[in-house]
């Protein structure tokens, strides 16, 4: 089974729950019981981001950060730039910075620091 895992961390080192895209639409009870408390499991039948999954990711990962000024830095993938995503970002009061195509590798996390 192929899955996609989104890892999110704040600049002070605090890590959010990993957001896991699972290629099934129906939740598996055993997986929910074992990992539901430590992972944000996304059962939308895809393991690739789209507008709907991006909105779910933003709400589940940043929905509780209302008291902090937040800057989300991500790449220029098409669903990161869509109007639906921009509306979700505005609702959550998240500012964004988009890393231009071809330069993502310069800001990838490495072990315990940011390059």
PDB file of N, CA and C in Angstrom:
ATOM      1  N   UNK A   1       0.838  -1.181   0.000  1.00  0.00           N
ATOM      2  CA  UNK A   1       0.000   0.000   0.000  1.00  0.00           C
ATOM      3  C   UNK A   1       0.878   1.237   0.000  1.00  0.00           C
ATOM      4  N   UNK A   2       0.564   2.164  -0.873  1.00  0.00           N
ATOM      5  CA  UNK A   2       1.282   3.441  -0.905  1.00  0.00           C
ATOM      6  C   UNK A   2       0.492   4.473  -0.109  1.00  0.00           C
ATOM      7  N   UNK A   3       1.201   5.206   0.704  1.00  0.00           N
ATOM      8  CA  UNK A   3       0.584   6.279   1.480  1.00  0.00           C
ATOM      9  C   UNK A   3       1.427   7.536   1.306  1.00  0.00           C
ATOM     10  N   UNK A   4       0.842   8.676   1.633  1.00  0.00           N
ATOM     11  CA  UNK A   4       1.564   9.943   1.645  1.00  0.00           C
ATOM     12  C   UNK A   4       1.480  10.490   3.057  1.00  0.00           C
ATOM     13  N   UNK A   5       2.599  10.975   3.578  1.00  0.00           N
ATOM     14  CA  UNK A   5       2.642  11.529   4.929  1.00  0.00           C
ATOM     15  C   UNK A   5       3.115  12.968   4.843  1.00  0.00           C
ATOM     16  N   UNK A   6       2.344  13.883   5.419  1.00  0.00           N
ATOM     17  CA  UNK A   6       2.723  15.288   5.484  1.00  0.00           C
ATOM     18  C   UNK A   6       3.228  15.568   6.885  1.00  0.00           C
ATOM     19  N   UNK A   7       4.454  16.033   6.974  1.00  0.00           N
ATOM     20  CA  UNK A   7       5.053  16.374   8.260  1.00  0.00           C
ATOM     21  C   UNK A   7       5.089  17.893   8.383  1.00  0.00           C
ATOM     22  N   UNK A   8       4.647  18.397   9.516  1.00  0.00           N
ATOM     23  CA  UNK A   8       4.570  19.833   9.739  1.00  0.00           C
ATOM     24  C   UNK A   8       5.222  20.160  11.068  1.00  0.00           C
ATOM     25  N   UNK A   9       6.074  21.189  11.069  1.00  0.00           N
ATOM     26  CA  UNK A   9       6.741  21.613  12.297  1.00  0.00           C
ATOM     27  C   UNK A   9       6.752  23.134  12.369  1.00  0.00           C
ATOM     28  N   UNK A  10       6.755  23.631  13.587  1.00  0.00           N
ATOM     29  CA  UNK A  10       6.866  25.074  13.807  1.00  0.00           C
ATOM     30  C   UNK A  10       8.334  25.444  13.916  1.00  0.00           C
ATOM     31  N   UNK A  11       8.618  26.722  13.830  1.00  0.00           N
ATOM     32  CA  UNK A  11      10.005  27.185  13.906  1.00  0.00           C
ATOM     33  C   UNK A  11      10.628  26.938  15.274  1.00  0.00           C
ATOM     34  N   UNK A  12       9.804  26.751  16.321  1.00  0.00           N
ATOM     35  CA  UNK A  12      10.357  26.477  17.654  1.00  0.00           C
ATOM     36  C   UNK A  12      10.555  24.982  17.901  1.00  0.00           C
ATOM     37  N   UNK A  13      10.327  24.152  16.867  1.00  0.00           N
ATOM     38  CA  UNK A  13      10.575  22.726  16.974  1.00  0.00           C
ATOM     39  C   UNK A  13       9.364  21.883  17.316  1.00  0.00           C
ATOM     40  N   UNK A  14       8.240  22.491  17.658  1.00  0.00           N
ATOM     41  CA  UNK A  14       7.033  21.731  17.976  1.00  0.00           C
ATOM     42  C   UNK A  14       6.501  21.106  16.684  1.00  0.00           C
ATOM     43  N   UNK A  15       6.205  19.815  16.753  1.00  0.00           N
ATOM     44  CA  UNK A  15       5.723  19.095  15.574  1.00  0.00           C
ATOM     45  C   UNK A  15       4.230  18.826  15.687  1.00  0.00           C
ATOM     46  N   UNK A  16       3.536  18.990  14.575  1.00  0.00           N
ATOM     47  CA  UNK A  16       2.113  18.648  14.506  1.00  0.00           C
ATOM     48  C   UNK A  16       1.986  17.148  14.264  1.00  0.00           C
ATOM     49  N   UNK A  17       0.795  16.616  14.512  1.00  0.00           N
ATOM     50  CA  UNK A  17       0.554  15.213  14.196  1.00  0.00           C
ATOM     51  C   UNK A  17       0.780  15.005  12.704  1.00  0.00           C
ATOM     52  N   UNK A  18       1.444  13.945  12.321  1.00  0.00           N
ATOM     53  CA  UNK A  18       1.579  13.651  10.895  1.00  0.00           C
ATOM     54  C   UNK A  18       0.202  13.465  10.256  1.00  0.00           C
ATOM     55  N   UNK A  19       0.036  14.011   9.068  1.00  0.00           N
ATOM     56  CA  UNK A  19      -1.201  13.903   8.302  1.00  0.00           C
ATOM     57  C   UNK A  19      -0.976  12.821   7.254  1.00  0.00           C
ATOM     58  N   UNK A  20      -1.740  11.742   7.328  1.00  0.00           N
ATOM     59  CA  UNK A  20      -1.496  10.562   6.498  1.00  0.00           C
ATOM     60  C   UNK A  20      -2.639  10.356   5.502  1.00  0.00           C
ATOM     61  N   UNK A  21      -2.298  10.372   4.221  1.00  0.00           N
ATOM     62  CA  UNK A  21      -3.270  10.101   3.160  1.00  0.00           C
ATOM     63  C   UNK A  21      -3.265   8.605   2.877  1.00  0.00           C
ATOM     64  N   UNK A  22      -4.428   8.009   3.038  1.00  0.00           N
ATOM     65  CA  UNK A  22      -4.564   6.579   2.820  1.00  0.00           C
ATOM     66  C   UNK A  22      -5.414   6.337   1.573  1.00  0.00           C
ATOM     67  N   UNK A  23      -5.024   5.384   0.734  1.00  0.00           N
ATOM     68  CA  UNK A  23      -5.716   5.186  -0.539  1.00  0.00           C
ATOM     69  C   UNK A  23      -7.028   4.403  -0.427  1.00  0.00           C
ATOM     70  N   UNK A  24      -7.732   4.568   0.658  1.00  0.00           N
ATOM     71  CA  UNK A  24      -9.024   3.893   0.860  1.00  0.00           C
ATOM     72  C   UNK A  24     -10.050   4.931   1.270  1.00  0.00           C
ATOM     73  N   UNK A  25     -11.299   4.709   0.889  1.00  0.00           N
ATOM     74  CA  UNK A  25     -12.363   5.626   1.290  1.00  0.00           C
ATOM     75  C   UNK A  25     -13.006   5.211   2.599  1.00  0.00           C
ATOM     76  N   UNK A  26     -13.019   3.926   2.862  1.00  0.00           N
ATOM     77  CA  UNK A  26     -13.614   3.437   4.099  1.00  0.00           C
ATOM     78  C   UNK A  26     -12.524   3.241   5.141  1.00  0.00           C
ATOM     79  N   UNK A  27     -12.716   3.829   6.322  1.00  0.00           N
ATOM     80  CA  UNK A  27     -11.723   3.638   7.386  1.00  0.00           C
ATOM     81  C   UNK A  27     -11.610   2.169   7.803  1.00  0.00           C
ATOM     82  N   UNK A  28     -10.412   1.788   8.151  1.00  0.00           N
ATOM     83  CA  UNK A  28     -10.159   0.448   8.679  1.00  0.00           C
ATOM     84  C   UNK A  28     -10.132   0.577  10.199  1.00  0.00           C
ATOM     85  N   UNK A  29     -11.027  -0.132  10.859  1.00  0.00           N
ATOM     86  CA  UNK A  29     -11.205  -0.006  12.304  1.00  0.00           C
ATOM     87  C   UNK A  29      -9.901  -0.236  13.064  1.00  0.00           C
ATOM     88  N   UNK A  30      -9.151  -1.260  12.688  1.00  0.00           N
ATOM     89  CA  UNK A  30      -7.907  -1.587  13.392  1.00  0.00           C
ATOM     90  C   UNK A  30      -6.872  -0.463  13.255  1.00  0.00           C
ATOM     91  N   UNK A  31      -6.805   0.137  12.073  1.00  0.00           N
ATOM     92  CA  UNK A  31      -5.869   1.242  11.839  1.00  0.00           C
ATOM     93  C   UNK A  31      -6.291   2.454  12.654  1.00  0.00           C
ATOM     94  N   UNK A  32      -7.591   2.757  12.662  1.00  0.00           N
ATOM     95  CA  UNK A  32      -8.106   3.884  13.451  1.00  0.00           C
ATOM     96  C   UNK A  32      -7.795   3.697  14.933  1.00  0.00           C
ATOM     97  N   UNK A  33      -8.018   2.492  15.449  1.00  0.00           N
ATOM     98  CA  UNK A  33      -7.771   2.231  16.866  1.00  0.00           C
ATOM     99  C   UNK A  33      -6.293   2.335  17.214  1.00  0.00           C
ATOM    100  N   UNK A  34      -5.446   1.827  16.334  1.00  0.00           N
ATOM    101  CA  UNK A  34      -4.014   1.802  16.625  1.00  0.00           C
ATOM    102  C   UNK A  34      -3.338   3.159  16.433  1.00  0.00           C
ATOM    103  N   UNK A  35      -3.731   3.907  15.386  1.00  0.00           N
ATOM    104  CA  UNK A  35      -3.008   5.127  15.044  1.00  0.00           C
ATOM    105  C   UNK A  35      -3.836   6.405  15.133  1.00  0.00           C
ATOM    106  N   UNK A  36      -5.138   6.296  15.357  1.00  0.00           N
ATOM    107  CA  UNK A  36      -6.016   7.460  15.367  1.00  0.00           C
ATOM    108  C   UNK A  36      -5.634   8.532  16.377  1.00  0.00           C
ATOM    109  N   UNK A  37      -5.019   8.155  17.473  1.00  0.00           N
ATOM    110  CA  UNK A  37      -4.638   9.136  18.486  1.00  0.00           C
ATOM    111  C   UNK A  37      -3.327   9.848  18.203  1.00  0.00           C
ATOM    112  N   UNK A  38      -2.494   9.265  17.369  1.00  0.00           N
ATOM    113  CA  UNK A  38      -1.168   9.845  17.119  1.00  0.00           C
ATOM    114  C   UNK A  38      -0.995  10.373  15.702  1.00  0.00           C
ATOM    115  N   UNK A  39      -1.913  10.016  14.796  1.00  0.00           N
ATOM    116  CA  UNK A  39      -1.830  10.463  13.409  1.00  0.00           C
ATOM    117  C   UNK A  39      -3.157  11.067  12.981  1.00  0.00           C
ATOM    118  N   UNK A  40      -3.116  12.055  12.102  1.00  0.00           N
ATOM    119  CA  UNK A  40      -4.320  12.546  11.444  1.00  0.00           C
ATOM    120  C   UNK A  40      -4.513  11.695  10.196  1.00  0.00           C
ATOM    121  N   UNK A  41      -5.459  10.757  10.249  1.00  0.00           N
ATOM    122  CA  UNK A  41      -5.687   9.833   9.145  1.00  0.00           C
ATOM    123  C   UNK A  41      -6.720  10.404   8.190  1.00  0.00           C
ATOM    124  N   UNK A  42      -6.390  10.419   6.914  1.00  0.00           N
ATOM    125  CA  UNK A  42      -7.270  10.974   5.891  1.00  0.00           C
ATOM    126  C   UNK A  42      -7.720   9.835   4.970  1.00  0.00           C
ATOM    127  N   UNK A  43      -8.999   9.498   5.040  1.00  0.00           N
ATOM    128  CA  UNK A  43      -9.568   8.386   4.280  1.00  0.00           C
ATOM    129  C   UNK A  43     -10.359   8.909   3.088  1.00  0.00           C
ATOM    130  N   UNK A  44      -9.717   9.557   2.157  1.00  0.00           N
ATOM    131  CA  UNK A  44     -10.416  10.093   0.981  1.00  0.00           C
ATOM    132  C   UNK A  44     -10.154   9.281  -0.282  1.00  0.00           C
ATOM    133  N   UNK A  45      -9.492   8.159  -0.151  1.00  0.00           N
ATOM    134  CA  UNK A  45      -9.280   7.290  -1.289  1.00  0.00           C
ATOM    135  C   UNK A  45      -8.159   7.716  -2.217  1.00  0.00           C
ATOM    136  N   UNK A  46      -7.384   8.688  -1.817  1.00  0.00           N
ATOM    137  CA  UNK A  46      -6.270   9.180  -2.639  1.00  0.00           C
ATOM    138  C   UNK A  46      -5.009   9.242  -1.795  1.00  0.00           C
ATOM    139  N   UNK A  47      -3.881   9.131  -2.441  1.00  0.00           N
ATOM    140  CA  UNK A  47      -2.628   9.389  -1.723  1.00  0.00           C
ATOM    141  C   UNK A  47      -1.870  10.514  -2.418  1.00  0.00           C
ATOM    142  N   UNK A  48      -2.635  11.434  -3.004  1.00  0.00           N
ATOM    143  CA  UNK A  48      -2.096  12.602  -3.684  1.00  0.00           C
ATOM    144  C   UNK A  48      -2.936  13.799  -3.297  1.00  0.00           C
ATOM    145  N   UNK A  49      -2.320  14.955  -3.080  1.00  0.00           N
ATOM    146  CA  UNK A  49      -3.047  16.141  -2.623  1.00  0.00           C
ATOM    147  C   UNK A  49      -3.934  16.721  -3.721  1.00  0.00           C
ATOM    148  N   UNK A  50      -5.109  17.212  -3.314  1.00  0.00           N
ATOM    149  CA  UNK A  50      -5.980  18.002  -4.162  1.00  0.00           C
ATOM    150  C   UNK A  50      -6.557  19.119  -3.287  1.00  0.00           C
ATOM    151  N   UNK A  51      -7.443  19.940  -3.832  1.00  0.00           N
ATOM    152  CA  UNK A  51      -7.980  21.074  -3.066  1.00  0.00           C
ATOM    153  C   UNK A  51      -8.722  20.624  -1.809  1.00  0.00           C
ATOM    154  N   UNK A  52      -9.540  19.591  -1.920  1.00  0.00           N
ATOM    155  CA  UNK A  52     -10.326  19.120  -0.779  1.00  0.00           C
ATOM    156  C   UNK A  52      -9.429  18.581   0.334  1.00  0.00           C
ATOM    157  N   UNK A  53      -8.432  17.803  -0.031  1.00  0.00           N
ATOM    158  CA  UNK A  53      -7.517  17.241   0.966  1.00  0.00           C
ATOM    159  C   UNK A  53      -6.653  18.333   1.575  1.00  0.00           C
ATOM    160  N   UNK A  54      -6.241  19.300   0.770  1.00  0.00           N
ATOM    161  CA  UNK A  54      -5.440  20.417   1.290  1.00  0.00           C
ATOM    162  C   UNK A  54      -6.237  21.206   2.321  1.00  0.00           C
ATOM    163  N   UNK A  55      -7.505  21.445   2.051  1.00  0.00           N
ATOM    164  CA  UNK A  55      -8.349  22.161   3.008  1.00  0.00           C
ATOM    165  C   UNK A  55      -8.505  21.366   4.306  1.00  0.00           C
ATOM    166  N   UNK A  56      -8.699  20.055   4.182  1.00  0.00           N
ATOM    167  CA  UNK A  56      -8.797  19.190   5.365  1.00  0.00           C
ATOM    168  C   UNK A  56      -7.494  19.236   6.164  1.00  0.00           C
ATOM    169  N   UNK A  57      -6.361  19.150   5.472  1.00  0.00           N
ATOM    170  CA  UNK A  57      -5.049  19.232   6.124  1.00  0.00           C
ATOM    171  C   UNK A  57      -4.901  20.549   6.889  1.00  0.00           C
ATOM    172  N   UNK A  58      -5.247  21.656   6.249  1.00  0.00           N
ATOM    173  CA  UNK A  58      -5.104  22.967   6.898  1.00  0.00           C
ATOM    174  C   UNK A  58      -5.976  23.056   8.148  1.00  0.00           C
ATOM    175  N   UNK A  59      -7.216  22.631   8.047  1.00  0.00           N
ATOM    176  CA  UNK A  59      -8.133  22.727   9.188  1.00  0.00           C
ATOM    177  C   UNK A  59      -7.704  21.820  10.338  1.00  0.00           C
ATOM    178  N   UNK A  60      -7.288  20.600  10.019  1.00  0.00           N
ATOM    179  CA  UNK A  60      -6.914  19.661  11.074  1.00  0.00           C
ATOM    180  C   UNK A  60      -5.551  19.976  11.677  1.00  0.00           C
ATOM    181  N   UNK A  61      -4.666  20.573  10.913  1.00  0.00           N
ATOM    182  CA  UNK A  61      -3.322  20.859  11.408  1.00  0.00           C
ATOM    183  C   UNK A  61      -3.226  22.239  12.045  1.00  0.00           C
ATOM    184  N   UNK A  62      -3.885  23.233  11.466  1.00  0.00           N
ATOM    185  CA  UNK A  62      -3.746  24.612  11.937  1.00  0.00           C
ATOM    186  C   UNK A  62      -5.019  25.181  12.536  1.00  0.00           C
ATOM    187  N   UNK A  63      -6.089  24.417  12.565  1.00  0.00           N
ATOM    188  CA  UNK A  63      -7.369  24.917  13.057  1.00  0.00           C
ATOM    189  C   UNK A  63      -7.350  25.369  14.498  1.00  0.00           C
ATOM    190  N   UNK A  64      -6.423  24.865  15.300  1.00  0.00           N
ATOM    191  CA  UNK A  64      -6.363  25.223  16.714  1.00  0.00           C
ATOM    192  C   UNK A  64      -5.330  26.311  17.000  1.00  0.00           C
ATOM    193  N   UNK A  65      -4.652  26.806  15.989  1.00  0.00           N
ATOM    194  CA  UNK A  65      -3.574  27.795  16.189  1.00  0.00           C
ATOM    195  C   UNK A  65      -4.081  29.220  16.009  1.00  0.00           C
ATOM    196  N   UNK A  66      -5.260  29.520  16.499  1.00  0.00           N
ATOM    197  CA  UNK A  66      -5.881  30.830  16.295  1.00  0.00           C
ATOM    198  C   UNK A  66      -5.164  31.964  17.031  1.00  0.00           C
ATOM    199  N   UNK A  67      -4.396  31.640  18.046  1.00  0.00           N
ATOM    200  CA  UNK A  67      -3.802  32.681  18.874  1.00  0.00           C
ATOM    201  C   UNK A  67      -2.392  33.067  18.430  1.00  0.00           C
ATOM    202  N   UNK A  68      -1.883  32.395  17.425  1.00  0.00           N
ATOM    203  CA  UNK A  68      -0.527  32.646  16.968  1.00  0.00           C
ATOM    204  C   UNK A  68      -0.544  33.288  15.589  1.00  0.00           C
ATOM    205  N   UNK A  69       0.386  34.193  15.354  1.00  0.00           N
ATOM    206  CA  UNK A  69       0.596  34.654  13.991  1.00  0.00           C
ATOM    207  C   UNK A  69       1.350  33.537  13.284  1.00  0.00           C
ATOM    208  N   UNK A  70       0.846  33.114  12.143  1.00  0.00           N
ATOM    209  CA  UNK A  70       1.420  31.956  11.488  1.00  0.00           C
ATOM    210  C   UNK A  70       1.786  32.246  10.041  1.00  0.00           C
ATOM    211  N   UNK A  71       2.929  31.733   9.656  1.00  0.00           N
ATOM    212  CA  UNK A  71       3.385  31.798   8.274  1.00  0.00           C
ATOM    213  C   UNK A  71       3.640  30.371   7.822  1.00  0.00           C
ATOM    214  N   UNK A  72       2.915  29.946   6.813  1.00  0.00           N
ATOM    215  CA  UNK A  72       3.069  28.608   6.257  1.00  0.00           C
ATOM    216  C   UNK A  72       3.937  28.722   5.008  1.00  0.00           C
ATOM    217  N   UNK A  73       5.045  28.016   4.999  1.00  0.00           N
ATOM    218  CA  UNK A  73       5.959  28.029   3.862  1.00  0.00           C
ATOM    219  C   UNK A  73       5.819  26.691   3.154  1.00  0.00           C
ATOM    220  N   UNK A  74       5.439  26.746   1.869  1.00  0.00           N
ATOM    221  CA  UNK A  74       5.299  25.520   1.097  1.00  0.00           C
ATOM    222  C   UNK A  74       5.631  25.754  -0.356  1.00  0.00           C
ATOM    223  N   UNK A  75       5.649  24.678  -1.140  1.00  0.00           N
ATOM    224  CA  UNK A  75       6.061  24.798  -2.535  1.00  0.00           C
ATOM    225  C   UNK A  75       4.907  25.273  -3.417  1.00  0.00           C
ATOM    226  N   UNK A  76       5.166  25.393  -4.698  1.00  0.00           N
ATOM    227  CA  UNK A  76       4.183  25.963  -5.625  1.00  0.00           C
ATOM    228  C   UNK A  76       3.313  24.895  -6.296  1.00  0.00           C
ATOM    229  N   UNK A  77       3.045  23.806  -5.596  1.00  0.00           N
ATOM    230  CA  UNK A  77       2.140  22.774  -6.105  1.00  0.00           C
ATOM    231  C   UNK A  77       0.786  23.421  -6.396  1.00  0.00           C
ATOM    232  N   UNK A  78       0.102  22.996  -7.445  1.00  0.00           N
ATOM    233  CA  UNK A  78      -1.092  23.699  -7.917  1.00  0.00           C
ATOM    234  C   UNK A  78      -2.201  23.825  -6.876  1.00  0.00           C
ATOM    235  N   UNK A  79      -2.408  22.826  -6.021  1.00  0.00           N
ATOM    236  CA  UNK A  79      -3.475  22.958  -5.025  1.00  0.00           C
ATOM    237  C   UNK A  79      -3.086  23.908  -3.896  1.00  0.00           C
ATOM    238  N   UNK A  80      -1.809  24.220  -3.739  1.00  0.00           N
ATOM    239  CA  UNK A  80      -1.399  25.206  -2.745  1.00  0.00           C
ATOM    240  C   UNK A  80      -1.748  26.624  -3.193  1.00  0.00           C
ATOM    241  N   UNK A  81      -1.952  26.802  -4.495  1.00  0.00           N
ATOM    242  CA  UNK A  81      -2.188  28.124  -5.066  1.00  0.00           C
ATOM    243  C   UNK A  81      -3.636  28.339  -5.502  1.00  0.00           C
ATOM    244  N   UNK A  82      -4.501  27.358  -5.319  1.00  0.00           N
ATOM    245  CA  UNK A  82      -5.877  27.452  -5.810  1.00  0.00           C
ATOM    246  C   UNK A  82      -6.700  28.443  -4.994  1.00  0.00           C
ATOM    247  N   UNK A  83      -7.800  28.895  -5.576  1.00  0.00           N
ATOM    248  CA  UNK A  83      -8.694  29.840  -4.899  1.00  0.00           C
ATOM    249  C   UNK A  83      -9.345  29.197  -3.674  1.00  0.00           C
ATOM    250  N   UNK A  84      -9.699  27.928  -3.770  1.00  0.00           N
ATOM    251  CA  UNK A  84     -10.307  27.230  -2.629  1.00  0.00           C
ATOM    252  C   UNK A  84      -9.334  27.173  -1.448  1.00  0.00           C
ATOM    253  N   UNK A  85      -8.074  26.904  -1.732  1.00  0.00           N
ATOM    254  CA  UNK A  85      -7.063  26.866  -0.674  1.00  0.00           C
ATOM    255  C   UNK A  85      -6.839  28.258  -0.100  1.00  0.00           C
ATOM    256  N   UNK A  86      -6.828  29.265  -0.957  1.00  0.00           N
ATOM    257  CA  UNK A  86      -6.647  30.646  -0.477  1.00  0.00           C
ATOM    258  C   UNK A  86      -7.782  31.056   0.454  1.00  0.00           C
ATOM    259  N   UNK A  87      -9.009  30.629   0.154  1.00  0.00           N
ATOM    260  CA  UNK A  87     -10.139  30.927   1.041  1.00  0.00           C
ATOM    261  C   UNK A  87      -9.966  30.237   2.395  1.00  0.00           C
ATOM    262  N   UNK A  88      -9.543  28.967   2.369  1.00  0.00           N
ATOM    263  CA  UNK A  88      -9.324  28.235   3.628  1.00  0.00           C
ATOM    264  C   UNK A  88      -8.215  28.893   4.443  1.00  0.00           C
ATOM    265  N   UNK A  89      -7.149  29.320   3.786  1.00  0.00           N
ATOM    266  CA  UNK A  89      -6.050  30.010   4.474  1.00  0.00           C
ATOM    267  C   UNK A  89      -6.545  31.308   5.106  1.00  0.00           C
ATOM    268  N   UNK A  90      -7.375  32.044   4.380  1.00  0.00           N
ATOM    269  CA  UNK A  90      -7.905  33.302   4.899  1.00  0.00           C
ATOM    270  C   UNK A  90      -8.785  33.055   6.128  1.00  0.00           C
ATOM    271  N   UNK A  91      -9.626  32.018   6.084  1.00  0.00           N
ATOM    272  CA  UNK A  91     -10.480  31.679   7.228  1.00  0.00           C
ATOM    273  C   UNK A  91      -9.656  31.337   8.459  1.00  0.00           C
ATOM    274  N   UNK A  92      -8.537  30.650   8.256  1.00  0.00           N
ATOM    275  CA  UNK A  92      -7.685  30.233   9.368  1.00  0.00           C
ATOM    276  C   UNK A  92      -6.664  31.299   9.763  1.00  0.00           C
ATOM    277  N   UNK A  93      -6.676  32.422   9.050  1.00  0.00           N
ATOM    278  CA  UNK A  93      -5.752  33.534   9.307  1.00  0.00           C
ATOM    279  C   UNK A  93      -4.291  33.086   9.196  1.00  0.00           C
ATOM    280  N   UNK A  94      -4.015  32.299   8.168  1.00  0.00           N
ATOM    281  CA  UNK A  94      -2.662  31.830   7.895  1.00  0.00           C
ATOM    282  C   UNK A  94      -2.073  32.627   6.738  1.00  0.00           C
ATOM    283  N   UNK A  95      -0.887  33.131   6.927  1.00  0.00           N
ATOM    284  CA  UNK A  95      -0.152  33.780   5.852  1.00  0.00           C
ATOM    285  C   UNK A  95       0.710  32.717   5.188  1.00  0.00           C
ATOM    286  N   UNK A  96       0.985  32.884   3.906  1.00  0.00           N
ATOM    287  CA  UNK A  96       1.794  31.889   3.215  1.00  0.00           C
ATOM    288  C   UNK A  96       2.953  32.528   2.470  1.00  0.00           C
ATOM    289  N   UNK A  97       3.982  31.744   2.308  1.00  0.00           N
ATOM    290  CA  UNK A  97       5.106  32.082   1.439  1.00  0.00           C
ATOM    291  C   UNK A  97       5.293  30.860   0.542  1.00  0.00           C
ATOM    292  N   UNK A  98       5.358  31.092  -0.746  1.00  0.00           N
ATOM    293  CA  UNK A  98       5.486  30.001  -1.704  1.00  0.00           C
ATOM    294  C   UNK A  98       6.920  29.937  -2.205  1.00  0.00           C
ATOM    295  N   UNK A  99       7.493  28.756  -2.081  1.00  0.00           N
ATOM    296  CA  UNK A  99       8.847  28.518  -2.563  1.00  0.00           C
ATOM    297  C   UNK A  99       8.753  28.298  -4.073  1.00  0.00           C
ATOM    298  N   UNK A 100       9.475  29.076  -4.880  1.00  0.00           N
ATOM    299  CA  UNK A 100       9.397  28.912  -6.343  1.00  0.00           C
ATOM    300  C   UNK A 100       9.832  27.521  -6.787  1.00  0.00           C
ATOM    301  N   UNK A 101       9.258  27.071  -7.884  1.00  0.00           N
ATOM    302  CA  UNK A 101       9.599  25.771  -8.440  1.00  0.00           C
ATOM    303  C   UNK A 101      11.097  25.630  -8.671  1.00  0.00           C
ATOM    304  N   UNK A 102      11.621  24.450  -8.372  1.00  0.00           N
ATOM    305  CA  UNK A 102      13.035  24.173  -8.559  1.00  0.00           C
ATOM    306  C   UNK A 102      13.920  24.556  -7.390  1.00  0.00           C
ATOM    307  N   UNK A 103      13.356  25.204  -6.372  1.00  0.00           N
ATOM    308  CA  UNK A 103      14.169  25.631  -5.230  1.00  0.00           C
ATOM    309  C   UNK A 103      13.753  24.957  -3.920  1.00  0.00           C
ATOM    310  N   UNK A 104      12.787  24.049  -3.976  1.00  0.00           N
ATOM    311  CA  UNK A 104      12.288  23.399  -2.766  1.00  0.00           C
ATOM    312  C   UNK A 104      13.397  22.691  -1.999  1.00  0.00           C
ATOM    313  N   UNK A 105      14.323  22.063  -2.690  1.00  0.00           N
ATOM    314  CA  UNK A 105      15.407  21.322  -2.040  1.00  0.00           C
ATOM    315  C   UNK A 105      16.289  22.174  -1.163  1.00  0.00           C
ATOM    316  N   UNK A 106      16.261  23.480  -1.360  1.00  0.00           N
ATOM    317  CA  UNK A 106      17.095  24.373  -0.550  1.00  0.00           C
ATOM    318  C   UNK A 106      16.516  24.630   0.834  1.00  0.00           C
ATOM    319  N   UNK A 107      15.243  24.295   1.042  1.00  0.00           N
ATOM    320  CA  UNK A 107      14.616  24.541   2.348  1.00  0.00           C
ATOM    321  C   UNK A 107      14.022  23.273   2.953  1.00  0.00           C
ATOM    322  N   UNK A 108      14.442  22.121   2.499  1.00  0.00           N
ATOM    323  CA  UNK A 108      13.951  20.860   3.046  1.00  0.00           C
ATOM    324  C   UNK A 108      14.516  20.653   4.445  1.00  0.00           C
ATOM    325  N   UNK A 109      13.702  20.075   5.364  1.00  0.00           N
ATOM    326  CA  UNK A 109      14.235  19.779   6.698  1.00  0.00           C
ATOM    327  C   UNK A 109      15.288  18.680   6.606  1.00  0.00           C
ATOM    328  N   UNK A 110      16.320  18.815   7.413  1.00  0.00           N
ATOM    329  CA  UNK A 110      17.382  17.796   7.461  1.00  0.00           C
ATOM    330  C   UNK A 110      17.662  17.475   8.908  1.00  0.00           C
ATOM    331  N   UNK A 111      17.392  16.263   9.308  1.00  0.00           N
ATOM    332  CA  UNK A 111      17.596  15.792  10.685  1.00  0.00           C
ATOM    333  C   UNK A 111      16.898  16.707  11.676  1.00  0.00           C
ATOM    334  N   UNK A 112      17.612  17.578  12.352  1.00  0.00           N
ATOM    335  CA  UNK A 112      17.019  18.410  13.387  1.00  0.00           C
ATOM    336  C   UNK A 112      17.140  19.905  13.080  1.00  0.00           C
ATOM    337  N   UNK A 113      17.443  20.255  11.846  1.00  0.00           N
ATOM    338  CA  UNK A 113      17.573  21.674  11.513  1.00  0.00           C
ATOM    339  C   UNK A 113      16.990  21.925  10.137  1.00  0.00           C
ATOM    340  N   UNK A 114      16.798  23.190   9.806  1.00  0.00           N
ATOM    341  CA  UNK A 114      16.312  23.585   8.489  1.00  0.00           C
ATOM    342  C   UNK A 114      17.485  24.104   7.692  1.00  0.00           C
ATOM    343  N   UNK A 115      17.620  23.621   6.462  1.00  0.00           N
ATOM    344  CA  UNK A 115      18.680  24.129   5.583  1.00  0.00           C
ATOM    345  C   UNK A 115      18.310  25.502   5.072  1.00  0.00           C
TER     346      UNK A 115
END
